[in-house]
PDB file of N, CA and C in Angstrom:
ATOM      1  N   MET A   1      96.725 103.751 107.312  1.00  0.00           N
ATOM      2  CA  MET A   1      97.738 103.644 106.301  1.00  0.00           C
ATOM      3  C   MET A   1      97.640 102.301 105.606  1.00  0.00           C
ATOM      4  N   PRO A   2      96.824 102.211 104.571  1.00  0.00           N
ATOM      5  CA  PRO A   2      96.670 100.959 103.826  1.00  0.00           C
ATOM      6  C   PRO A   2      97.928 100.533 103.162  1.00  0.00           C
ATOM      7  N   THR A   3      98.342  99.313 103.406  1.00  0.00           N
ATOM      8  CA  THR A   3      99.490  98.778 102.742  1.00  0.00           C
ATOM      9  C   THR A   3      99.001  98.147 101.444  1.00  0.00           C
ATOM     10  N   VAL A   4      99.618  98.524 100.314  1.00  0.00           N
ATOM     11  CA  VAL A   4      99.273  97.976  99.031  1.00  0.00           C
ATOM     12  C   VAL A   4      99.984  96.623  98.794  1.00  0.00           C
ATOM     13  N   PHE A   5     101.315  96.651  99.128  1.00  0.00           N
ATOM     14  CA  PHE A   5     102.037  95.370  99.081  1.00  0.00           C
ATOM     15  C   PHE A   5     103.377  95.604  99.773  1.00  0.00           C
ATOM     16  N   ARG A   6     104.108  94.503  99.978  1.00  0.00           N
ATOM     17  CA  ARG A   6     105.470  94.517 100.519  1.00  0.00           C
ATOM     18  C   ARG A   6     106.337  93.764  99.501  1.00  0.00           C
ATOM     19  N   GLN A   7     107.539  94.262  99.344  1.00  0.00           N
ATOM     20  CA  GLN A   7     108.478  93.624  98.401  1.00  0.00           C
ATOM     21  C   GLN A   7     109.874  93.978  98.778  1.00  0.00           C
ATOM     22  N   ASP A   8     110.738  92.980  98.878  1.00  0.00           N
ATOM     23  CA  ASP A   8     112.189  93.150  99.156  1.00  0.00           C
ATOM     24  C   ASP A   8     112.412  93.991 100.439  1.00  0.00           C
ATOM     25  N   GLY A   9     111.541  93.817 101.406  1.00  0.00           N
ATOM     26  CA  GLY A   9     111.767  94.489 102.657  1.00  0.00           C
ATOM     27  C   GLY A   9     111.128  95.902 102.705  1.00  0.00           C
ATOM     28  N   TRP A  10     110.574  96.317 101.594  1.00  0.00           N
ATOM     29  CA  TRP A  10     109.923  97.627 101.475  1.00  0.00           C
ATOM     30  C   TRP A  10     108.406  97.532 101.675  1.00  0.00           C
ATOM     31  N   ARG A  11     107.805  98.466 102.295  1.00  0.00           N
ATOM     32  CA  ARG A  11     106.353  98.536 102.489  1.00  0.00           C
ATOM     33  C   ARG A  11     105.883  99.650 101.516  1.00  0.00           C
ATOM     34  N   PHE A  12     104.968  99.363 100.689  1.00  0.00           N
ATOM     35  CA  PHE A  12     104.367 100.264  99.758  1.00  0.00           C
ATOM     36  C   PHE A  12     102.964 100.610 100.266  1.00  0.00           C
ATOM     37  N   PHE A  13     102.690 101.822 100.469  1.00  0.00           N
ATOM     38  CA  PHE A  13     101.408 102.276 101.129  1.00  0.00           C
ATOM     39  C   PHE A  13     101.020 103.619 100.801  1.00  0.00           C
ATOM     40  N   PHE A  14      99.789 104.011 101.245  1.00  0.00           N
ATOM     41  CA  PHE A  14      99.473 105.379 101.160  1.00  0.00           C
ATOM     42  C   PHE A  14      98.717 105.785 102.434  1.00  0.00           C
ATOM     43  N   TYR A  15      98.664 107.072 102.721  1.00  0.00           N
ATOM     44  CA  TYR A  15      97.967 107.563 103.971  1.00  0.00           C
ATOM     45  C   TYR A  15      96.522 107.699 103.608  1.00  0.00           C
ATOM     46  N   SER A  16      95.630 107.450 104.566  1.00  0.00           N
ATOM     47  CA  SER A  16      94.199 107.624 104.346  1.00  0.00           C
ATOM     48  C   SER A  16      93.784 109.053 104.081  1.00  0.00           C
ATOM     49  N   ASN A  17      94.496 109.965 104.712  1.00  0.00           N
ATOM     50  CA  ASN A  17      94.284 111.434 104.512  1.00  0.00           C
ATOM     51  C   ASN A  17      95.366 111.928 103.555  1.00  0.00           C
ATOM     52  N   GLU A  18      95.072 111.942 102.313  1.00  0.00           N
ATOM     53  CA  GLU A  18      96.023 112.374 101.286  1.00  0.00           C
ATOM     54  C   GLU A  18      95.746 113.789 100.772  1.00  0.00           C
ATOM     55  N   GLY A  19      95.378 114.680 101.690  1.00  0.00           N
ATOM     56  CA  GLY A  19      95.238 116.071 101.278  1.00  0.00           C
ATOM     57  C   GLY A  19      93.771 116.440 100.949  1.00  0.00           C
ATOM     58  N   ASP A  20      93.525 117.734 100.977  1.00  0.00           N
ATOM     59  CA  ASP A  20      92.215 118.255 100.607  1.00  0.00           C
ATOM     60  C   ASP A  20      92.417 119.580  99.824  1.00  0.00           C
ATOM     61  N   PRO A  21      92.309 119.537  98.493  1.00  0.00           N
ATOM     62  CA  PRO A  21      91.843 118.410  97.678  1.00  0.00           C
ATOM     63  C   PRO A  21      92.920 117.348  97.698  1.00  0.00           C
ATOM     64  N   ARG A  22      92.465 116.111  97.387  1.00  0.00           N
ATOM     65  CA  ARG A  22      93.364 114.926  97.376  1.00  0.00           C
ATOM     66  C   ARG A  22      94.442 115.127  96.309  1.00  0.00           C
ATOM     67  N   GLU A  23      95.651 114.761  96.710  1.00  0.00           N
ATOM     68  CA  GLU A  23      96.796 114.799  95.785  1.00  0.00           C
ATOM     69  C   GLU A  23      96.553 113.713  94.673  1.00  0.00           C
ATOM     70  N   PRO A  24      97.235 113.853  93.535  1.00  0.00           N
ATOM     71  CA  PRO A  24      97.169 112.828  92.539  1.00  0.00           C
ATOM     72  C   PRO A  24      97.722 111.502  93.034  1.00  0.00           C
ATOM     73  N   VAL A  25      97.432 110.486  92.254  1.00  0.00           N
ATOM     74  CA  VAL A  25      97.842 109.131  92.656  1.00  0.00           C
ATOM     75  C   VAL A  25      99.400 109.034  92.868  1.00  0.00           C
ATOM     76  N   HIS A  26      99.736 108.482  94.039  1.00  0.00           N
ATOM     77  CA  HIS A  26     101.129 108.337  94.405  1.00  0.00           C
ATOM     78  C   HIS A  26     101.238 107.198  95.404  1.00  0.00           C
ATOM     79  N   ILE A  27     102.470 106.851  95.737  1.00  0.00           N
ATOM     80  CA  ILE A  27     102.709 105.742  96.664  1.00  0.00           C
ATOM     81  C   ILE A  27     103.882 106.182  97.633  1.00  0.00           C
ATOM     82  N   HIS A  28     103.698 105.755  98.868  1.00  0.00           N
ATOM     83  CA  HIS A  28     104.770 106.000  99.871  1.00  0.00           C
ATOM     84  C   HIS A  28     105.488 104.676 100.040  1.00  0.00           C
ATOM     85  N   VAL A  29     106.778 104.759 100.325  1.00  0.00           N
ATOM     86  CA  VAL A  29     107.597 103.606 100.445  1.00  0.00           C
ATOM     87  C   VAL A  29     108.426 103.701 101.742  1.00  0.00           C
ATOM     88  N   LEU A  30     108.455 102.635 102.571  1.00  0.00           N
ATOM     89  CA  LEU A  30     109.117 102.715 103.845  1.00  0.00           C
ATOM     90  C   LEU A  30     109.899 101.393 104.081  1.00  0.00           C
ATOM     91  N   ARG A  31     111.097 101.553 104.632  1.00  0.00           N
ATOM     92  CA  ARG A  31     111.882 100.483 105.142  1.00  0.00           C
ATOM     93  C   ARG A  31     112.763 101.040 106.248  1.00  0.00           C
ATOM     94  N   ASP A  32     112.713 100.474 107.408  1.00  0.00           N
ATOM     95  CA  ASP A  32     113.450 100.964 108.573  1.00  0.00           C
ATOM     96  C   ASP A  32     113.090 102.486 108.746  1.00  0.00           C
ATOM     97  N   THR A  33     114.078 103.337 108.698  1.00  0.00           N
ATOM     98  CA  THR A  33     113.799 104.768 108.843  1.00  0.00           C
ATOM     99  C   THR A  33     113.794 105.531 107.546  1.00  0.00           C
ATOM    100  N   ALA A  34     114.010 104.820 106.416  1.00  0.00           N
ATOM    101  CA  ALA A  34     114.042 105.413 105.125  1.00  0.00           C
ATOM    102  C   ALA A  34     112.637 105.461 104.560  1.00  0.00           C
ATOM    103  N   GLU A  35     112.235 106.645 103.999  1.00  0.00           N
ATOM    104  CA  GLU A  35     110.924 106.786 103.423  1.00  0.00           C
ATOM    105  C   GLU A  35     111.002 107.649 102.198  1.00  0.00           C
ATOM    106  N   ALA A  36     110.192 107.372 101.200  1.00  0.00           N
ATOM    107  CA  ALA A  36     110.076 108.187  99.950  1.00  0.00           C
ATOM    108  C   ALA A  36     108.655 108.170  99.528  1.00  0.00           C
ATOM    109  N   LYS A  37     108.352 109.105  98.669  1.00  0.00           N
ATOM    110  CA  LYS A  37     107.053 109.210  98.059  1.00  0.00           C
ATOM    111  C   LYS A  37     107.269 109.347  96.552  1.00  0.00           C
ATOM    112  N   PHE A  38     106.487 108.539  95.794  1.00  0.00           N
ATOM    113  CA  PHE A  38     106.677 108.555  94.348  1.00  0.00           C
ATOM    114  C   PHE A  38     105.326 108.933  93.641  1.00  0.00           C
ATOM    115  N   TRP A  39     105.418 109.882  92.737  1.00  0.00           N
ATOM    116  CA  TRP A  39     104.319 110.201  91.858  1.00  0.00           C
ATOM    117  C   TRP A  39     104.274 109.069  90.804  1.00  0.00           C
ATOM    118  N   LEU A  40     103.053 108.688  90.366  1.00  0.00           N
ATOM    119  CA  LEU A  40     102.894 107.701  89.378  1.00  0.00           C
ATOM    120  C   LEU A  40     102.831 108.242  87.902  1.00  0.00           C
ATOM    121  N   TYR A  41     102.351 109.459  87.831  1.00  0.00           N
ATOM    122  CA  TYR A  41     102.126 110.092  86.559  1.00  0.00           C
ATOM    123  C   TYR A  41     102.645 111.524  86.533  1.00  0.00           C
ATOM    124  N   PRO A  42     102.987 112.089  85.402  1.00  0.00           N
ATOM    125  CA  PRO A  42     103.081 111.422  84.090  1.00  0.00           C
ATOM    126  C   PRO A  42     104.132 110.364  84.019  1.00  0.00           C
ATOM    127  N   ALA A  43     105.164 110.480  84.803  1.00  0.00           N
ATOM    128  CA  ALA A  43     106.171 109.411  84.849  1.00  0.00           C
ATOM    129  C   ALA A  43     106.436 109.156  86.366  1.00  0.00           C
ATOM    130  N   VAL A  44     106.882 107.886  86.603  1.00  0.00           N
ATOM    131  CA  VAL A  44     107.209 107.582  87.996  1.00  0.00           C
ATOM    132  C   VAL A  44     108.473 108.391  88.378  1.00  0.00           C
ATOM    133  N   ALA A  45     108.280 109.170  89.497  1.00  0.00           N
ATOM    134  CA  ALA A  45     109.356 110.050  89.932  1.00  0.00           C
ATOM    135  C   ALA A  45     109.204 110.293  91.381  1.00  0.00           C
ATOM    136  N   PRO A  46     110.342 110.396  92.135  1.00  0.00           N
ATOM    137  CA  PRO A  46     110.222 110.663  93.521  1.00  0.00           C
ATOM    138  C   PRO A  46     109.734 112.096  93.853  1.00  0.00           C
ATOM    139  N   ALA A  47     108.767 112.166  94.694  1.00  0.00           N
ATOM    140  CA  ALA A  47     108.277 113.501  95.224  1.00  0.00           C
ATOM    141  C   ALA A  47     109.137 113.938  96.393  1.00  0.00           C
ATOM    142  N   TYR A  48     109.608 113.027  97.253  1.00  0.00           N
ATOM    143  CA  TYR A  48     110.523 113.301  98.287  1.00  0.00           C
ATOM    144  C   TYR A  48     111.276 112.029  98.607  1.00  0.00           C
ATOM    145  N   ASN A  49     112.353 112.209  99.268  1.00  0.00           N
ATOM    146  CA  ASN A  49     113.213 111.084  99.673  1.00  0.00           C
ATOM    147  C   ASN A  49     113.901 111.472 101.021  1.00  0.00           C
ATOM    148  N   HIS A  50     113.648 110.631 101.994  1.00  0.00           N
ATOM    149  CA  HIS A  50     114.315 110.809 103.249  1.00  0.00           C
ATOM    150  C   HIS A  50     115.062 109.482 103.637  1.00  0.00           C
ATOM    151  N   GLY A  51     116.347 109.448 103.227  1.00  0.00           N
ATOM    152  CA  GLY A  51     117.212 108.353 103.636  1.00  0.00           C
ATOM    153  C   GLY A  51     117.457 107.224 102.608  1.00  0.00           C
ATOM    154  N   LEU A  52     116.870 107.293 101.475  1.00  0.00           N
ATOM    155  CA  LEU A  52     117.197 106.238 100.467  1.00  0.00           C
ATOM    156  C   LEU A  52     118.430 106.694  99.687  1.00  0.00           C
ATOM    157  N   SER A  53     119.294 105.753  99.427  1.00  0.00           N
ATOM    158  CA  SER A  53     120.415 106.032  98.555  1.00  0.00           C
ATOM    159  C   SER A  53     120.011 106.074  97.119  1.00  0.00           C
ATOM    160  N   ALA A  54     120.866 106.566  96.268  1.00  0.00           N
ATOM    161  CA  ALA A  54     120.569 106.628  94.867  1.00  0.00           C
ATOM    162  C   ALA A  54     120.225 105.256  94.309  1.00  0.00           C
ATOM    163  N   ARG A  55     120.930 104.236  94.787  1.00  0.00           N
ATOM    164  CA  ARG A  55     120.698 102.875  94.325  1.00  0.00           C
ATOM    165  C   ARG A  55     119.330 102.382  94.783  1.00  0.00           C
ATOM    166  N   GLU A  56     118.965 102.673  96.036  1.00  0.00           N
ATOM    167  CA  GLU A  56     117.669 102.262  96.550  1.00  0.00           C
ATOM    168  C   GLU A  56     116.531 102.964  95.799  1.00  0.00           C
ATOM    169  N   LEU A  57     116.755 104.297  95.542  1.00  0.00           N
ATOM    170  CA  LEU A  57     115.728 105.035  94.766  1.00  0.00           C
ATOM    171  C   LEU A  57     115.489 104.416  93.377  1.00  0.00           C
ATOM    172  N   ARG A  58     116.600 103.937  92.716  1.00  0.00           N
ATOM    173  CA  ARG A  58     116.436 103.281  91.424  1.00  0.00           C
ATOM    174  C   ARG A  58     115.694 101.985  91.531  1.00  0.00           C
ATOM    175  N   ILE A  59     116.066 101.182  92.520  1.00  0.00           N
ATOM    176  CA  ILE A  59     115.408  99.871  92.739  1.00  0.00           C
ATOM    177  C   ILE A  59     113.885 100.089  93.001  1.00  0.00           C
ATOM    178  N   VAL A  60     113.554 100.986  93.933  1.00  0.00           N
ATOM    179  CA  VAL A  60     112.183 101.202  94.311  1.00  0.00           C
ATOM    180  C   VAL A  60     111.431 101.822  93.115  1.00  0.00           C
ATOM    181  N   SER A  61     112.058 102.683  92.392  1.00  0.00           N
ATOM    182  CA  SER A  61     111.381 103.223  91.166  1.00  0.00           C
ATOM    183  C   SER A  61     111.032 102.128  90.213  1.00  0.00           C
ATOM    184  N   GLU A  62     111.906 101.200  89.988  1.00  0.00           N
ATOM    185  CA  GLU A  62     111.643 100.070  89.068  1.00  0.00           C
ATOM    186  C   GLU A  62     110.495  99.241  89.561  1.00  0.00           C
ATOM    187  N   ILE A  63     110.373  99.011  90.895  1.00  0.00           N
ATOM    188  CA  ILE A  63     109.253  98.246  91.444  1.00  0.00           C
ATOM    189  C   ILE A  63     107.933  99.010  91.216  1.00  0.00           C
ATOM    190  N   VAL A  64     107.957 100.307  91.456  1.00  0.00           N
ATOM    191  CA  VAL A  64     106.799 101.113  91.245  1.00  0.00           C
ATOM    192  C   VAL A  64     106.367 101.115  89.795  1.00  0.00           C
ATOM    193  N   ILE A  65     107.344 101.203  88.892  1.00  0.00           N
ATOM    194  CA  ILE A  65     106.991 101.133  87.453  1.00  0.00           C
ATOM    195  C   ILE A  65     106.319  99.769  87.104  1.00  0.00           C
ATOM    196  N   GLU A  66     106.962  98.667  87.598  1.00  0.00           N
ATOM    197  CA  GLU A  66     106.475  97.338  87.334  1.00  0.00           C
ATOM    198  C   GLU A  66     104.997  97.129  87.849  1.00  0.00           C
ATOM    199  N   ARG A  67     104.751  97.772  89.024  1.00  0.00           N
ATOM    200  CA  ARG A  67     103.463  97.483  89.680  1.00  0.00           C
ATOM    201  C   ARG A  67     102.565  98.645  89.712  1.00  0.00           C
ATOM    202  N   ARG A  68     102.808  99.656  88.761  1.00  0.00           N
ATOM    203  CA  ARG A  68     102.020 100.887  88.810  1.00  0.00           C
ATOM    204  C   ARG A  68     100.475 100.600  88.658  1.00  0.00           C
ATOM    205  N   ARG A  69     100.083  99.725  87.836  1.00  0.00           N
ATOM    206  CA  ARG A  69      98.694  99.419  87.644  1.00  0.00           C
ATOM    207  C   ARG A  69      98.081  98.920  88.991  1.00  0.00           C
ATOM    208  N   GLU A  70      98.791  98.056  89.656  1.00  0.00           N
ATOM    209  CA  GLU A  70      98.269  97.499  90.939  1.00  0.00           C
ATOM    210  C   GLU A  70      98.132  98.625  91.957  1.00  0.00           C
ATOM    211  N   ILE A  71      99.093  99.507  92.003  1.00  0.00           N
ATOM    212  CA  ILE A  71      99.055 100.661  92.946  1.00  0.00           C
ATOM    213  C   ILE A  71      97.830 101.520  92.630  1.00  0.00           C
ATOM    214  N   GLU A  72      97.674 101.877  91.345  1.00  0.00           N
ATOM    215  CA  GLU A  72      96.586 102.741  90.945  1.00  0.00           C
ATOM    216  C   GLU A  72      95.196 102.129  91.260  1.00  0.00           C
ATOM    217  N   GLU A  73      95.097 100.828  91.027  1.00  0.00           N
ATOM    218  CA  GLU A  73      93.868 100.178  91.316  1.00  0.00           C
ATOM    219  C   GLU A  73      93.539 100.181  92.806  1.00  0.00           C
ATOM    220  N   ALA A  74      94.538  99.914  93.620  1.00  0.00           N
ATOM    221  CA  ALA A  74      94.429  99.970  95.094  1.00  0.00           C
ATOM    222  C   ALA A  74      93.997 101.393  95.521  1.00  0.00           C
ATOM    223  N   TRP A  75      94.571 102.364  94.940  1.00  0.00           N
ATOM    224  CA  TRP A  75      94.230 103.810  95.195  1.00  0.00           C
ATOM    225  C   TRP A  75      92.771 104.082  95.005  1.00  0.00           C
ATOM    226  N   HIS A  76      92.276 103.674  93.823  1.00  0.00           N
ATOM    227  CA  HIS A  76      90.901 103.916  93.449  1.00  0.00           C
ATOM    228  C   HIS A  76      89.941 103.098  94.308  1.00  0.00           C
ATOM    229  N   VAL A  77      90.294 101.896  94.647  1.00  0.00           N
ATOM    230  CA  VAL A  77      89.451 101.096  95.611  1.00  0.00           C
ATOM    231  C   VAL A  77      89.364 101.803  96.934  1.00  0.00           C
ATOM    232  N   HIS A  78      90.491 102.274  97.432  1.00  0.00           N
ATOM    233  CA  HIS A  78      90.501 102.879  98.803  1.00  0.00           C
ATOM    234  C   HIS A  78      89.749 104.214  98.799  1.00  0.00           C
ATOM    235  N   PHE A  79      90.099 105.064  97.804  1.00  0.00           N
ATOM    236  CA  PHE A  79      89.566 106.398  97.883  1.00  0.00           C
ATOM    237  C   PHE A  79      88.237 106.575  97.072  1.00  0.00           C
ATOM    238  N   GLY A  80      87.842 105.555  96.290  1.00  0.00           N
ATOM    239  CA  GLY A  80      86.565 105.608  95.627  1.00  0.00           C
ATOM    240  C   GLY A  80      86.571 106.211  94.323  1.00  0.00           C
TER     241      GLY A  80
END
């Protein structure tokens, strides 16, 4: 599970096995027992949410939007 970055107590990462065929670019977010998955395109949007409040979803969405390029670059470096 490569960690792309950590911010505000959240860990932003992806799993090394992201499906076959591989799913489109996305990021998983984890803090304590709360986890969510966000699609990056066509717009940043949650794919699933387990335990994040509406406020936390908004905050994490903003972080993903701000750092989308970094996430996408890390995805392509890892998966080739």
